[in-house]
Amino acid sequence: MRLPWKKDEDTAVGDADATVTTEEAVDSAPAKGSAYTEGKGRPTPSRRDAEGRKRGPVAPPPTTRSEARARRKELRTSLSREDKQKLNAERRTQRQVQREKMMEGDERYLMPRDKGPVRRYARDLVDSRRNFAGLFMPFAIVLIVVMFLPAIAVYANIVLLVFVVFMAIDAVILGRLVNRRVRERYPDSADPGFRLGWYSFTRAMQLRKMRAPKPQVSAGDAV
């Protein structure tokens, strides 16, 4: 039989247990300062992503030369004097590096006419040979000086004609040699014979120190 006062005691005990449980929960909770901020629930964007959203979409590359010139002009007008000087210095350094790589024969920086193993082999054949056409530029300088001497200027045309004949003979020999050697080493080459011969002849006409890319072999070396 439940007595009337038993109910009050049970209620008091229950309230005491609830108070103890609440106090334990408060004590067990981690201490948080007044500056605590709850998480956003998403990762923080990287600096590159944030700057990309700030700048907006990247403009597509120019499709024509006029469009490229217009963009360069617009860029120059929007930059300060110090930025322009810095940009020009960077471009000069970049062009210098590209030229050095091109002169060394790096395929990434060569002109389209010089790219490929066939053209490299043709250059090596020309550079390993002593070409009569290589005397063209020194001969042209001497001929210009001779033209100002009336006493021997009469013979200048005859000497010039003889030189051109010998140069043409040497060009034919060089073209046939290069084409034959290229066909032996690269039978699947699609380079036309006349174009390859003309490429070799134009290189042979240049002074050795002025050839681009620089010769990779010495005169007389076996290629």
N, C-alpha and C. Protein backbone atom coordinates (compact mmCIF):
# COMPACT_ATOMS: atom_id res chain seq x y z
N MET A 1 0.84 -1.18 0.00
CA MET A 1 0.00 0.00 0.00
C MET A 1 0.88 1.24 0.00
N ARG A 2 0.67 2.15 -1.01
CA ARG A 2 1.49 3.35 -1.13
C ARG A 2 0.95 4.42 -0.20
N LEU A 3 1.84 4.93 0.55
CA LEU A 3 1.47 6.02 1.46
C LEU A 3 1.54 7.34 0.73
N PRO A 4 0.79 8.34 1.18
CA PRO A 4 0.77 9.63 0.46
C PRO A 4 2.11 10.30 0.37
N TRP A 5 2.96 10.16 1.41
CA TRP A 5 4.25 10.88 1.38
C TRP A 5 5.30 10.21 0.53
N LYS A 6 5.05 8.96 0.13
CA LYS A 6 6.02 8.28 -0.72
C LYS A 6 6.15 8.95 -2.09
N LYS A 7 5.09 9.49 -2.59
CA LYS A 7 5.11 10.13 -3.91
C LYS A 7 6.00 11.35 -3.93
N ASP A 8 5.92 12.16 -2.89
CA ASP A 8 6.76 13.35 -2.83
C ASP A 8 8.21 13.00 -2.74
N GLU A 9 8.53 11.94 -1.98
CA GLU A 9 9.92 11.54 -1.86
C GLU A 9 10.48 11.06 -3.20
N ASP A 10 9.65 10.25 -3.90
CA ASP A 10 10.10 9.75 -5.21
C ASP A 10 10.32 10.89 -6.18
N THR A 11 9.41 11.89 -6.14
CA THR A 11 9.57 13.02 -7.06
C THR A 11 10.82 13.81 -6.75
N ALA A 12 11.12 13.99 -5.47
CA ALA A 12 12.33 14.73 -5.08
C ALA A 12 13.57 14.00 -5.51
N VAL A 13 13.55 12.66 -5.35
CA VAL A 13 14.72 11.87 -5.77
C VAL A 13 14.92 11.96 -7.26
N GLY A 14 13.80 11.90 -8.01
CA GLY A 14 13.90 12.02 -9.47
C GLY A 14 14.44 13.35 -9.90
N ASP A 15 13.97 14.44 -9.26
CA ASP A 15 14.49 15.76 -9.61
C ASP A 15 15.95 15.89 -9.27
N ALA A 16 16.36 15.28 -8.15
CA ALA A 16 17.78 15.34 -7.78
C ALA A 16 18.63 14.61 -8.79
N ASP A 17 18.16 13.43 -9.26
CA ASP A 17 18.92 12.68 -10.28
C ASP A 17 19.04 13.48 -11.56
N ALA A 18 17.95 14.16 -11.95
CA ALA A 18 17.98 14.95 -13.18
C ALA A 18 18.95 16.11 -13.05
N THR A 19 19.00 16.70 -11.86
CA THR A 19 19.92 17.82 -11.64
C THR A 19 21.35 17.36 -11.72
N VAL A 20 21.64 16.20 -11.14
CA VAL A 20 23.00 15.65 -11.18
C VAL A 20 23.40 15.33 -12.61
N THR A 21 22.48 14.74 -13.38
CA THR A 21 22.79 14.39 -14.77
C THR A 21 23.07 15.63 -15.59
N THR A 22 22.27 16.69 -15.37
CA THR A 22 22.49 17.94 -16.12
C THR A 22 23.83 18.56 -15.77
N GLU A 23 24.17 18.54 -14.48
CA GLU A 23 25.45 19.11 -14.04
C GLU A 23 26.61 18.32 -14.64
N GLU A 24 26.49 16.97 -14.69
CA GLU A 24 27.55 16.15 -15.27
C GLU A 24 27.73 16.46 -16.75
N ALA A 25 26.57 16.65 -17.44
CA ALA A 25 26.65 16.96 -18.87
C ALA A 25 27.33 18.29 -19.10
N VAL A 26 27.03 19.27 -18.23
CA VAL A 26 27.65 20.58 -18.37
C VAL A 26 29.13 20.51 -18.10
N ASP A 27 29.50 19.73 -17.06
CA ASP A 27 30.90 19.60 -16.71
C ASP A 27 31.69 18.86 -17.78
N SER A 28 31.04 17.85 -18.41
CA SER A 28 31.74 17.06 -19.43
C SER A 28 31.84 17.78 -20.76
N ALA A 29 31.03 18.82 -21.01
CA ALA A 29 31.08 19.54 -22.29
C ALA A 29 32.37 20.33 -22.36
N PRO A 30 33.02 20.41 -23.54
CA PRO A 30 34.29 21.15 -23.67
C PRO A 30 34.07 22.63 -23.46
N ALA A 31 35.03 23.23 -22.81
CA ALA A 31 34.94 24.67 -22.55
C ALA A 31 35.15 25.44 -23.83
N LYS A 32 34.29 26.39 -24.14
CA LYS A 32 34.36 27.19 -25.36
C LYS A 32 34.40 28.65 -24.97
N GLY A 33 35.31 29.35 -25.56
CA GLY A 33 35.43 30.76 -25.27
C GLY A 33 34.33 31.57 -25.91
N SER A 34 34.37 32.84 -25.61
CA SER A 34 33.35 33.73 -26.18
C SER A 34 33.56 33.97 -27.65
N ALA A 35 34.82 33.72 -28.15
CA ALA A 35 35.13 33.95 -29.58
C ALA A 35 34.93 32.71 -30.42
N TYR A 36 34.38 31.68 -29.89
CA TYR A 36 34.19 30.43 -30.64
C TYR A 36 33.17 30.63 -31.75
N THR A 37 33.51 30.11 -32.94
CA THR A 37 32.62 30.19 -34.10
C THR A 37 32.42 28.79 -34.65
N GLU A 38 31.19 28.43 -34.88
CA GLU A 38 30.90 27.09 -35.39
C GLU A 38 31.39 26.95 -36.83
N GLY A 39 31.66 25.72 -37.27
CA GLY A 39 32.14 25.45 -38.61
C GLY A 39 31.12 25.82 -39.67
N LYS A 40 31.65 26.11 -40.88
CA LYS A 40 30.76 26.50 -42.00
C LYS A 40 30.12 25.30 -42.67
N GLY A 41 30.68 24.11 -42.41
CA GLY A 41 30.11 22.93 -43.04
C GLY A 41 30.62 22.70 -44.45
N ARG A 42 31.64 23.45 -44.92
CA ARG A 42 32.22 23.28 -46.26
C ARG A 42 33.70 23.65 -46.20
N PRO A 43 34.52 23.07 -47.08
CA PRO A 43 35.96 23.38 -47.05
C PRO A 43 36.25 24.80 -47.49
N THR A 44 37.31 25.36 -46.92
CA THR A 44 37.72 26.71 -47.30
C THR A 44 38.35 26.68 -48.69
N PRO A 45 37.92 27.53 -49.63
CA PRO A 45 38.48 27.51 -50.99
C PRO A 45 39.93 27.94 -50.99
N SER A 46 40.70 27.39 -51.93
CA SER A 46 42.11 27.75 -52.05
C SER A 46 42.26 29.18 -52.58
N ARG A 47 43.46 29.71 -52.46
CA ARG A 47 43.70 31.09 -52.90
C ARG A 47 43.51 31.21 -54.41
N ARG A 48 43.97 30.19 -55.17
CA ARG A 48 43.83 30.24 -56.62
C ARG A 48 42.38 30.26 -57.04
N ASP A 49 41.55 29.39 -56.39
CA ASP A 49 40.12 29.37 -56.73
C ASP A 49 39.45 30.69 -56.38
N ALA A 50 39.83 31.26 -55.22
CA ALA A 50 39.22 32.53 -54.81
C ALA A 50 39.59 33.65 -55.78
N GLU A 51 40.87 33.71 -56.19
CA GLU A 51 41.29 34.74 -57.14
C GLU A 51 40.66 34.54 -58.50
N GLY A 52 40.47 33.25 -58.89
CA GLY A 52 39.83 32.99 -60.17
C GLY A 52 38.40 33.46 -60.21
N ARG A 53 37.67 33.26 -59.11
CA ARG A 53 36.29 33.74 -59.06
C ARG A 53 36.24 35.25 -59.01
N LYS A 54 37.27 35.84 -58.39
CA LYS A 54 37.29 37.30 -58.29
C LYS A 54 37.58 37.94 -59.64
N ARG A 55 38.51 37.34 -60.39
CA ARG A 55 38.88 37.91 -61.68
C ARG A 55 37.87 37.62 -62.77
N GLY A 56 37.14 36.54 -62.62
CA GLY A 56 36.17 36.19 -63.65
C GLY A 56 36.76 35.19 -64.63
N PRO A 57 36.03 34.82 -65.65
CA PRO A 57 36.52 33.82 -66.60
C PRO A 57 37.71 34.34 -67.40
N VAL A 58 38.61 33.39 -67.77
CA VAL A 58 39.80 33.74 -68.54
C VAL A 58 39.42 33.90 -70.01
N ALA A 59 39.90 34.96 -70.62
CA ALA A 59 39.58 35.22 -72.02
C ALA A 59 40.27 34.20 -72.92
N PRO A 60 39.62 33.77 -73.98
CA PRO A 60 40.25 32.80 -74.89
C PRO A 60 41.44 33.43 -75.61
N PRO A 61 42.39 32.61 -76.07
CA PRO A 61 43.56 33.16 -76.76
C PRO A 61 43.17 33.83 -78.07
N PRO A 62 43.95 34.81 -78.51
CA PRO A 62 43.61 35.50 -79.77
C PRO A 62 43.71 34.55 -80.96
N THR A 63 42.84 34.77 -81.92
CA THR A 63 42.81 33.92 -83.12
C THR A 63 43.50 34.56 -84.31
N THR A 64 43.68 35.86 -84.30
CA THR A 64 44.33 36.56 -85.41
C THR A 64 45.42 37.47 -84.86
N ARG A 65 46.31 37.91 -85.75
CA ARG A 65 47.40 38.80 -85.34
C ARG A 65 46.88 40.17 -84.93
N SER A 66 45.85 40.64 -85.63
CA SER A 66 45.29 41.94 -85.27
C SER A 66 44.69 41.91 -83.87
N GLU A 67 44.03 40.81 -83.54
CA GLU A 67 43.46 40.68 -82.19
C GLU A 67 44.56 40.61 -81.15
N ALA A 68 45.65 39.93 -81.46
CA ALA A 68 46.77 39.85 -80.52
C ALA A 68 47.40 41.22 -80.31
N ARG A 69 47.56 41.99 -81.41
CA ARG A 69 48.12 43.34 -81.28
C ARG A 69 47.20 44.24 -80.45
N ALA A 70 45.88 44.10 -80.66
CA ALA A 70 44.94 44.91 -79.89
C ALA A 70 45.02 44.58 -78.40
N ARG A 71 45.18 43.31 -78.07
CA ARG A 71 45.28 42.94 -76.67
C ARG A 71 46.58 43.46 -76.06
N ARG A 72 47.68 43.38 -76.82
CA ARG A 72 48.94 43.90 -76.30
C ARG A 72 48.86 45.41 -76.08
N LYS A 73 48.21 46.11 -77.00
CA LYS A 73 48.05 47.56 -76.85
C LYS A 73 47.21 47.88 -75.62
N GLU A 74 46.13 47.13 -75.43
CA GLU A 74 45.28 47.36 -74.26
C GLU A 74 46.02 47.06 -72.97
N LEU A 75 46.86 46.01 -73.00
CA LEU A 75 47.63 45.67 -71.81
C LEU A 75 48.66 46.75 -71.49
N ARG A 76 49.30 47.31 -72.53
CA ARG A 76 50.29 48.37 -72.30
C ARG A 76 49.66 49.63 -71.71
N THR A 77 48.46 49.96 -72.16
CA THR A 77 47.81 51.17 -71.65
C THR A 77 47.32 51.00 -70.22
N SER A 78 47.07 49.76 -69.80
CA SER A 78 46.55 49.53 -68.44
C SER A 78 47.66 49.33 -67.42
N LEU A 79 48.91 49.22 -67.86
CA LEU A 79 50.02 48.99 -66.93
C LEU A 79 50.72 50.30 -66.59
N SER A 80 51.33 50.30 -65.43
CA SER A 80 52.13 51.45 -65.03
C SER A 80 53.50 51.38 -65.69
N ARG A 81 54.30 52.43 -65.51
CA ARG A 81 55.61 52.48 -66.15
C ARG A 81 56.52 51.39 -65.60
N GLU A 82 56.48 51.17 -64.28
CA GLU A 82 57.33 50.13 -63.69
C GLU A 82 56.92 48.75 -64.17
N ASP A 83 55.61 48.51 -64.28
CA ASP A 83 55.14 47.21 -64.76
C ASP A 83 55.54 46.99 -66.21
N LYS A 84 55.50 48.06 -67.03
CA LYS A 84 55.91 47.93 -68.42
C LYS A 84 57.39 47.59 -68.53
N GLN A 85 58.22 48.26 -67.73
CA GLN A 85 59.64 47.95 -67.75
C GLN A 85 59.91 46.52 -67.32
N LYS A 86 59.21 46.07 -66.30
CA LYS A 86 59.38 44.70 -65.84
C LYS A 86 58.93 43.70 -66.90
N LEU A 87 57.80 43.99 -67.54
CA LEU A 87 57.29 43.11 -68.58
C LEU A 87 58.24 43.05 -69.77
N ASN A 88 58.79 44.20 -70.17
CA ASN A 88 59.74 44.21 -71.28
C ASN A 88 61.01 43.44 -70.94
N ALA A 89 61.47 43.57 -69.71
CA ALA A 89 62.67 42.82 -69.30
C ALA A 89 62.41 41.32 -69.32
N GLU A 90 61.23 40.90 -68.87
CA GLU A 90 60.89 39.48 -68.90
C GLU A 90 60.81 38.97 -70.34
N ARG A 91 60.25 39.78 -71.23
CA ARG A 91 60.15 39.36 -72.63
C ARG A 91 61.52 39.26 -73.28
N ARG A 92 62.42 40.21 -72.97
CA ARG A 92 63.76 40.14 -73.53
C ARG A 92 64.49 38.89 -73.03
N THR A 93 64.33 38.59 -71.76
CA THR A 93 64.97 37.39 -71.22
C THR A 93 64.39 36.13 -71.86
N GLN A 94 63.08 36.12 -72.05
CA GLN A 94 62.45 34.96 -72.67
C GLN A 94 62.91 34.78 -74.11
N ARG A 95 63.00 35.89 -74.86
CA ARG A 95 63.47 35.79 -76.25
C ARG A 95 64.92 35.33 -76.31
N GLN A 96 65.73 35.80 -75.38
CA GLN A 96 67.13 35.39 -75.36
C GLN A 96 67.27 33.90 -75.08
N VAL A 97 66.48 33.41 -74.12
CA VAL A 97 66.52 31.98 -73.81
C VAL A 97 66.04 31.16 -75.00
N GLN A 98 64.98 31.61 -75.66
CA GLN A 98 64.47 30.89 -76.82
C GLN A 98 65.49 30.85 -77.95
N ARG A 99 66.20 31.97 -78.17
CA ARG A 99 67.21 32.00 -79.22
C ARG A 99 68.37 31.07 -78.89
N GLU A 100 68.79 31.05 -77.64
CA GLU A 100 69.87 30.16 -77.26
C GLU A 100 69.48 28.70 -77.46
N LYS A 101 68.26 28.36 -77.07
CA LYS A 101 67.79 26.99 -77.27
C LYS A 101 67.69 26.66 -78.76
N MET A 102 67.23 27.63 -79.54
CA MET A 102 67.12 27.41 -80.99
C MET A 102 68.49 27.20 -81.62
N MET A 103 69.47 28.02 -81.22
CA MET A 103 70.82 27.87 -81.77
C MET A 103 71.45 26.55 -81.37
N GLU A 104 71.06 26.02 -80.22
CA GLU A 104 71.58 24.72 -79.80
C GLU A 104 70.90 23.56 -80.51
N GLY A 105 69.82 23.82 -81.23
CA GLY A 105 69.14 22.75 -81.97
C GLY A 105 68.01 22.10 -81.23
N ASP A 106 67.49 22.75 -80.18
CA ASP A 106 66.36 22.19 -79.44
C ASP A 106 65.12 22.20 -80.34
N GLU A 107 64.52 21.04 -80.51
CA GLU A 107 63.37 20.91 -81.42
C GLU A 107 62.19 21.77 -81.02
N ARG A 108 62.05 22.07 -79.73
CA ARG A 108 60.90 22.85 -79.26
C ARG A 108 60.96 24.29 -79.71
N TYR A 109 62.16 24.79 -80.03
CA TYR A 109 62.32 26.21 -80.35
C TYR A 109 62.75 26.43 -81.80
N LEU A 110 62.83 25.39 -82.59
CA LEU A 110 63.23 25.54 -83.98
C LEU A 110 62.09 26.07 -84.83
N MET A 111 62.44 26.71 -85.93
CA MET A 111 61.44 27.12 -86.90
C MET A 111 60.88 25.88 -87.60
N PRO A 112 59.66 25.96 -88.13
CA PRO A 112 59.06 24.78 -88.77
C PRO A 112 59.92 24.18 -89.87
N ARG A 113 60.66 25.01 -90.63
CA ARG A 113 61.48 24.47 -91.71
C ARG A 113 62.67 23.66 -91.21
N ASP A 114 63.08 23.86 -89.94
CA ASP A 114 64.26 23.20 -89.39
C ASP A 114 63.91 21.99 -88.54
N LYS A 115 62.64 21.71 -88.32
CA LYS A 115 62.26 20.64 -87.41
C LYS A 115 62.32 19.28 -88.10
N GLY A 116 62.56 18.26 -87.30
CA GLY A 116 62.53 16.90 -87.80
C GLY A 116 63.91 16.29 -87.95
N PRO A 117 64.00 14.97 -87.86
CA PRO A 117 65.30 14.30 -87.99
C PRO A 117 65.90 14.41 -89.38
N VAL A 118 65.04 14.52 -90.41
CA VAL A 118 65.56 14.63 -91.78
C VAL A 118 66.30 15.95 -91.96
N ARG A 119 65.71 17.04 -91.51
CA ARG A 119 66.36 18.34 -91.65
C ARG A 119 67.63 18.40 -90.79
N ARG A 120 67.60 17.78 -89.62
CA ARG A 120 68.80 17.76 -88.77
C ARG A 120 69.93 17.00 -89.48
N TYR A 121 69.60 15.90 -90.09
CA TYR A 121 70.61 15.12 -90.79
C TYR A 121 71.13 15.89 -92.00
N ALA A 122 70.26 16.59 -92.71
CA ALA A 122 70.69 17.40 -93.85
C ALA A 122 71.64 18.51 -93.39
N ARG A 123 71.35 19.13 -92.26
CA ARG A 123 72.25 20.17 -91.74
C ARG A 123 73.61 19.60 -91.39
N ASP A 124 73.61 18.41 -90.79
CA ASP A 124 74.89 17.79 -90.44
C ASP A 124 75.71 17.46 -91.70
N LEU A 125 75.04 17.04 -92.76
CA LEU A 125 75.76 16.76 -94.01
C LEU A 125 76.37 18.04 -94.58
N VAL A 126 75.62 19.12 -94.55
CA VAL A 126 76.13 20.39 -95.07
C VAL A 126 77.29 20.89 -94.22
N ASP A 127 77.14 20.80 -92.91
CA ASP A 127 78.16 21.34 -92.00
C ASP A 127 79.44 20.51 -92.02
N SER A 128 79.34 19.25 -92.36
CA SER A 128 80.53 18.41 -92.40
C SER A 128 81.28 18.53 -93.72
N ARG A 129 80.78 19.33 -94.63
CA ARG A 129 81.36 19.45 -95.97
C ARG A 129 81.87 20.88 -96.18
N ARG A 130 82.98 21.02 -96.89
CA ARG A 130 83.49 22.34 -97.27
C ARG A 130 82.84 22.72 -98.60
N ASN A 131 81.91 23.65 -98.54
CA ASN A 131 81.08 24.00 -99.68
C ASN A 131 81.63 25.22 -100.40
N PHE A 132 81.61 25.17 -101.73
CA PHE A 132 82.03 26.32 -102.52
C PHE A 132 81.06 27.48 -102.36
N ALA A 133 79.79 27.16 -102.12
CA ALA A 133 78.79 28.21 -101.94
C ALA A 133 79.04 29.04 -100.69
N GLY A 134 79.83 28.50 -99.74
CA GLY A 134 80.13 29.25 -98.54
C GLY A 134 81.01 30.46 -98.79
N LEU A 135 81.61 30.54 -99.97
CA LEU A 135 82.44 31.70 -100.33
C LEU A 135 81.63 32.84 -100.95
N PHE A 136 80.32 32.66 -101.04
CA PHE A 136 79.51 33.65 -101.73
C PHE A 136 79.55 35.02 -101.04
N MET A 137 79.34 35.05 -99.74
CA MET A 137 79.29 36.32 -99.04
C MET A 137 80.64 37.05 -99.04
N PRO A 138 81.76 36.38 -98.75
CA PRO A 138 83.05 37.08 -98.88
C PRO A 138 83.32 37.56 -100.30
N PHE A 139 82.94 36.74 -101.29
CA PHE A 139 83.15 37.13 -102.68
C PHE A 139 82.30 38.34 -103.03
N ALA A 140 81.07 38.40 -102.53
CA ALA A 140 80.20 39.54 -102.81
C ALA A 140 80.79 40.84 -102.25
N ILE A 141 81.39 40.76 -101.05
CA ILE A 141 82.00 41.96 -100.46
C ILE A 141 83.19 42.42 -101.30
N VAL A 142 84.02 41.46 -101.72
CA VAL A 142 85.17 41.81 -102.56
C VAL A 142 84.71 42.40 -103.89
N LEU A 143 83.66 41.84 -104.45
CA LEU A 143 83.16 42.32 -105.73
C LEU A 143 82.65 43.76 -105.62
N ILE A 144 81.99 44.09 -104.51
CA ILE A 144 81.51 45.46 -104.33
C ILE A 144 82.68 46.44 -104.28
N VAL A 145 83.76 46.05 -103.62
CA VAL A 145 84.94 46.92 -103.56
C VAL A 145 85.56 47.06 -104.94
N VAL A 146 85.60 45.97 -105.70
CA VAL A 146 86.21 46.00 -107.03
C VAL A 146 85.43 46.91 -107.96
N MET A 147 84.12 46.99 -107.78
CA MET A 147 83.31 47.82 -108.67
C MET A 147 83.70 49.29 -108.61
N PHE A 148 84.34 49.72 -107.53
CA PHE A 148 84.77 51.11 -107.41
C PHE A 148 86.17 51.36 -108.00
N LEU A 149 86.78 50.34 -108.56
CA LEU A 149 88.10 50.47 -109.19
C LEU A 149 87.93 50.33 -110.69
N PRO A 150 87.91 51.43 -111.42
CA PRO A 150 87.65 51.35 -112.88
C PRO A 150 88.66 50.50 -113.63
N ALA A 151 89.86 50.42 -113.12
CA ALA A 151 90.90 49.69 -113.85
C ALA A 151 90.59 48.20 -113.96
N ILE A 152 89.99 47.62 -112.93
CA ILE A 152 89.71 46.18 -112.96
C ILE A 152 88.21 45.87 -112.93
N ALA A 153 87.39 46.92 -112.95
CA ALA A 153 85.94 46.70 -112.91
C ALA A 153 85.44 45.98 -114.15
N VAL A 154 86.20 46.08 -115.25
CA VAL A 154 85.79 45.43 -116.49
C VAL A 154 85.77 43.91 -116.33
N TYR A 155 86.72 43.42 -115.53
CA TYR A 155 86.82 41.96 -115.37
C TYR A 155 85.89 41.42 -114.28
N ALA A 156 85.20 42.32 -113.60
CA ALA A 156 84.35 41.87 -112.49
C ALA A 156 83.20 41.00 -112.99
N ASN A 157 82.59 41.37 -114.09
CA ASN A 157 81.46 40.59 -114.61
C ASN A 157 81.90 39.19 -115.02
N ILE A 158 83.11 39.09 -115.64
CA ILE A 158 83.59 37.76 -116.05
C ILE A 158 83.85 36.89 -114.82
N VAL A 159 84.49 37.49 -113.79
CA VAL A 159 84.76 36.72 -112.57
C VAL A 159 83.46 36.31 -111.89
N LEU A 160 82.49 37.21 -111.89
CA LEU A 160 81.20 36.90 -111.28
C LEU A 160 80.51 35.76 -112.00
N LEU A 161 80.55 35.77 -113.32
CA LEU A 161 79.92 34.71 -114.09
C LEU A 161 80.58 33.36 -113.81
N VAL A 162 81.90 33.34 -113.76
CA VAL A 162 82.61 32.09 -113.47
C VAL A 162 82.26 31.59 -112.07
N PHE A 163 82.19 32.51 -111.12
CA PHE A 163 81.87 32.11 -109.75
C PHE A 163 80.46 31.53 -109.67
N VAL A 164 79.51 32.15 -110.34
CA VAL A 164 78.13 31.65 -110.31
C VAL A 164 78.05 30.25 -110.92
N VAL A 165 78.79 30.01 -111.99
CA VAL A 165 78.78 28.68 -112.62
C VAL A 165 79.31 27.63 -111.66
N PHE A 166 80.44 27.92 -111.02
CA PHE A 166 81.01 26.96 -110.07
C PHE A 166 80.07 26.75 -108.87
N MET A 167 79.42 27.81 -108.44
CA MET A 167 78.51 27.68 -107.31
C MET A 167 77.30 26.84 -107.70
N ALA A 168 76.80 26.99 -108.92
CA ALA A 168 75.67 26.17 -109.37
C ALA A 168 76.06 24.70 -109.45
N ILE A 169 77.26 24.43 -109.94
CA ILE A 169 77.73 23.03 -110.01
C ILE A 169 77.83 22.43 -108.62
N ASP A 170 78.40 23.21 -107.70
CA ASP A 170 78.53 22.72 -106.33
C ASP A 170 77.16 22.52 -105.69
N ALA A 171 76.19 23.37 -106.00
CA ALA A 171 74.85 23.23 -105.45
C ALA A 171 74.18 21.95 -105.94
N VAL A 172 74.37 21.62 -107.22
CA VAL A 172 73.79 20.38 -107.77
C VAL A 172 74.42 19.17 -107.09
N ILE A 173 75.74 19.19 -106.92
CA ILE A 173 76.42 18.07 -106.28
C ILE A 173 75.94 17.91 -104.83
N LEU A 174 75.82 19.04 -104.12
CA LEU A 174 75.37 18.99 -102.73
C LEU A 174 73.94 18.48 -102.63
N GLY A 175 73.05 18.94 -103.50
CA GLY A 175 71.67 18.50 -103.46
C GLY A 175 71.53 17.01 -103.73
N ARG A 176 72.25 16.51 -104.70
CA ARG A 176 72.19 15.07 -105.01
C ARG A 176 72.76 14.26 -103.85
N LEU A 177 73.85 14.75 -103.25
CA LEU A 177 74.45 14.03 -102.12
C LEU A 177 73.49 13.97 -100.94
N VAL A 178 72.90 15.09 -100.58
CA VAL A 178 71.99 15.12 -99.44
C VAL A 178 70.78 14.24 -99.69
N ASN A 179 70.19 14.31 -100.85
CA ASN A 179 69.00 13.50 -101.15
C ASN A 179 69.33 12.01 -101.13
N ARG A 180 70.47 11.66 -101.66
CA ARG A 180 70.84 10.23 -101.67
C ARG A 180 71.06 9.71 -100.26
N ARG A 181 71.78 10.48 -99.45
CA ARG A 181 72.06 10.03 -98.08
C ARG A 181 70.79 10.01 -97.23
N VAL A 182 69.92 10.98 -97.45
CA VAL A 182 68.66 11.01 -96.69
C VAL A 182 67.79 9.82 -97.06
N ARG A 183 67.70 9.48 -98.35
CA ARG A 183 66.88 8.34 -98.77
C ARG A 183 67.44 7.03 -98.22
N GLU A 184 68.74 6.97 -98.04
CA GLU A 184 69.32 5.75 -97.48
C GLU A 184 69.00 5.60 -96.00
N ARG A 185 69.07 6.69 -95.27
CA ARG A 185 68.83 6.61 -93.83
C ARG A 185 67.34 6.71 -93.49
N TYR A 186 66.61 7.53 -94.21
CA TYR A 186 65.17 7.71 -93.95
C TYR A 186 64.39 7.40 -95.23
N PRO A 187 64.21 6.12 -95.53
CA PRO A 187 63.50 5.78 -96.78
C PRO A 187 62.04 6.21 -96.80
N ASP A 188 61.45 6.42 -95.64
CA ASP A 188 60.04 6.83 -95.59
C ASP A 188 59.88 8.35 -95.55
N SER A 189 60.93 9.09 -95.79
CA SER A 189 60.85 10.55 -95.73
C SER A 189 59.96 11.07 -96.86
N ALA A 190 59.12 12.05 -96.50
CA ALA A 190 58.22 12.66 -97.48
C ALA A 190 58.72 14.00 -97.97
N ASP A 191 59.95 14.38 -97.63
CA ASP A 191 60.53 15.65 -98.07
C ASP A 191 60.83 15.59 -99.57
N PRO A 192 60.27 16.49 -100.37
CA PRO A 192 60.60 16.49 -101.80
C PRO A 192 62.09 16.72 -102.03
N GLY A 193 62.62 16.13 -103.09
CA GLY A 193 64.05 16.23 -103.36
C GLY A 193 64.51 17.65 -103.63
N PHE A 194 63.75 18.42 -104.42
CA PHE A 194 64.16 19.79 -104.73
C PHE A 194 64.13 20.66 -103.48
N ARG A 195 63.09 20.51 -102.66
CA ARG A 195 62.98 21.33 -101.46
C ARG A 195 64.12 21.02 -100.49
N LEU A 196 64.45 19.74 -100.33
CA LEU A 196 65.53 19.37 -99.44
C LEU A 196 66.87 19.86 -99.98
N GLY A 197 67.05 19.78 -101.30
CA GLY A 197 68.29 20.29 -101.90
C GLY A 197 68.42 21.79 -101.76
N TRP A 198 67.33 22.52 -101.94
CA TRP A 198 67.36 23.98 -101.78
C TRP A 198 67.64 24.37 -100.33
N TYR A 199 67.06 23.62 -99.39
CA TYR A 199 67.32 23.87 -97.97
C TYR A 199 68.80 23.70 -97.66
N SER A 200 69.40 22.67 -98.20
CA SER A 200 70.83 22.43 -97.97
C SER A 200 71.67 23.51 -98.64
N PHE A 201 71.29 23.94 -99.83
CA PHE A 201 72.07 24.95 -100.55
C PHE A 201 72.04 26.30 -99.83
N THR A 202 70.86 26.71 -99.36
CA THR A 202 70.76 27.99 -98.65
C THR A 202 71.57 27.97 -97.35
N ARG A 203 71.66 26.84 -96.71
CA ARG A 203 72.49 26.75 -95.51
C ARG A 203 73.97 26.79 -95.88
N ALA A 204 74.32 26.15 -96.98
CA ALA A 204 75.72 26.13 -97.41
C ALA A 204 76.19 27.53 -97.81
N MET A 205 75.30 28.40 -98.28
CA MET A 205 75.69 29.75 -98.68
C MET A 205 76.05 30.64 -97.49
N GLN A 206 75.59 30.30 -96.32
CA GLN A 206 75.84 31.13 -95.15
C GLN A 206 77.22 30.82 -94.57
N LEU A 207 77.82 31.84 -93.96
CA LEU A 207 79.07 31.61 -93.25
C LEU A 207 78.82 30.66 -92.09
N ARG A 208 79.82 29.88 -91.79
CA ARG A 208 79.64 28.84 -90.78
C ARG A 208 79.21 29.42 -89.43
N LYS A 209 79.77 30.55 -89.04
CA LYS A 209 79.44 31.16 -87.75
C LYS A 209 78.06 31.81 -87.74
N MET A 210 77.48 32.02 -88.91
CA MET A 210 76.18 32.67 -88.99
C MET A 210 75.03 31.69 -89.20
N ARG A 211 75.32 30.42 -89.25
CA ARG A 211 74.28 29.44 -89.50
C ARG A 211 73.44 29.22 -88.25
N ALA A 212 72.14 29.09 -88.47
CA ALA A 212 71.20 28.84 -87.37
C ALA A 212 70.30 27.66 -87.76
N PRO A 213 70.24 26.63 -86.92
CA PRO A 213 70.98 26.41 -85.68
C PRO A 213 72.49 26.24 -85.91
N LYS A 214 73.25 26.33 -84.82
CA LYS A 214 74.70 26.20 -84.93
C LYS A 214 75.08 24.81 -85.42
N PRO A 215 76.17 24.71 -86.17
CA PRO A 215 76.62 23.38 -86.62
C PRO A 215 76.93 22.48 -85.43
N GLN A 216 76.48 21.25 -85.52
CA GLN A 216 76.71 20.27 -84.48
C GLN A 216 77.89 19.37 -84.79
N VAL A 217 78.44 19.47 -85.99
CA VAL A 217 79.59 18.68 -86.41
C VAL A 217 80.63 19.62 -86.99
N SER A 218 81.87 19.16 -87.02
CA SER A 218 82.96 19.96 -87.59
C SER A 218 83.16 19.59 -89.05
N ALA A 219 83.81 20.48 -89.77
CA ALA A 219 84.10 20.20 -91.19
C ALA A 219 85.03 19.01 -91.30
N GLY A 220 84.65 18.05 -92.14
CA GLY A 220 85.45 16.85 -92.34
C GLY A 220 85.00 15.67 -91.50
N ASP A 221 84.07 15.87 -90.56
CA ASP A 221 83.58 14.75 -89.74
C ASP A 221 82.71 13.82 -90.57
N ALA A 222 82.78 12.54 -90.20
CA ALA A 222 81.93 11.54 -90.87
C ALA A 222 80.54 11.61 -90.28
N VAL A 223 79.54 11.70 -91.14
CA VAL A 223 78.14 11.77 -90.71
C VAL A 223 77.39 10.54 -91.21
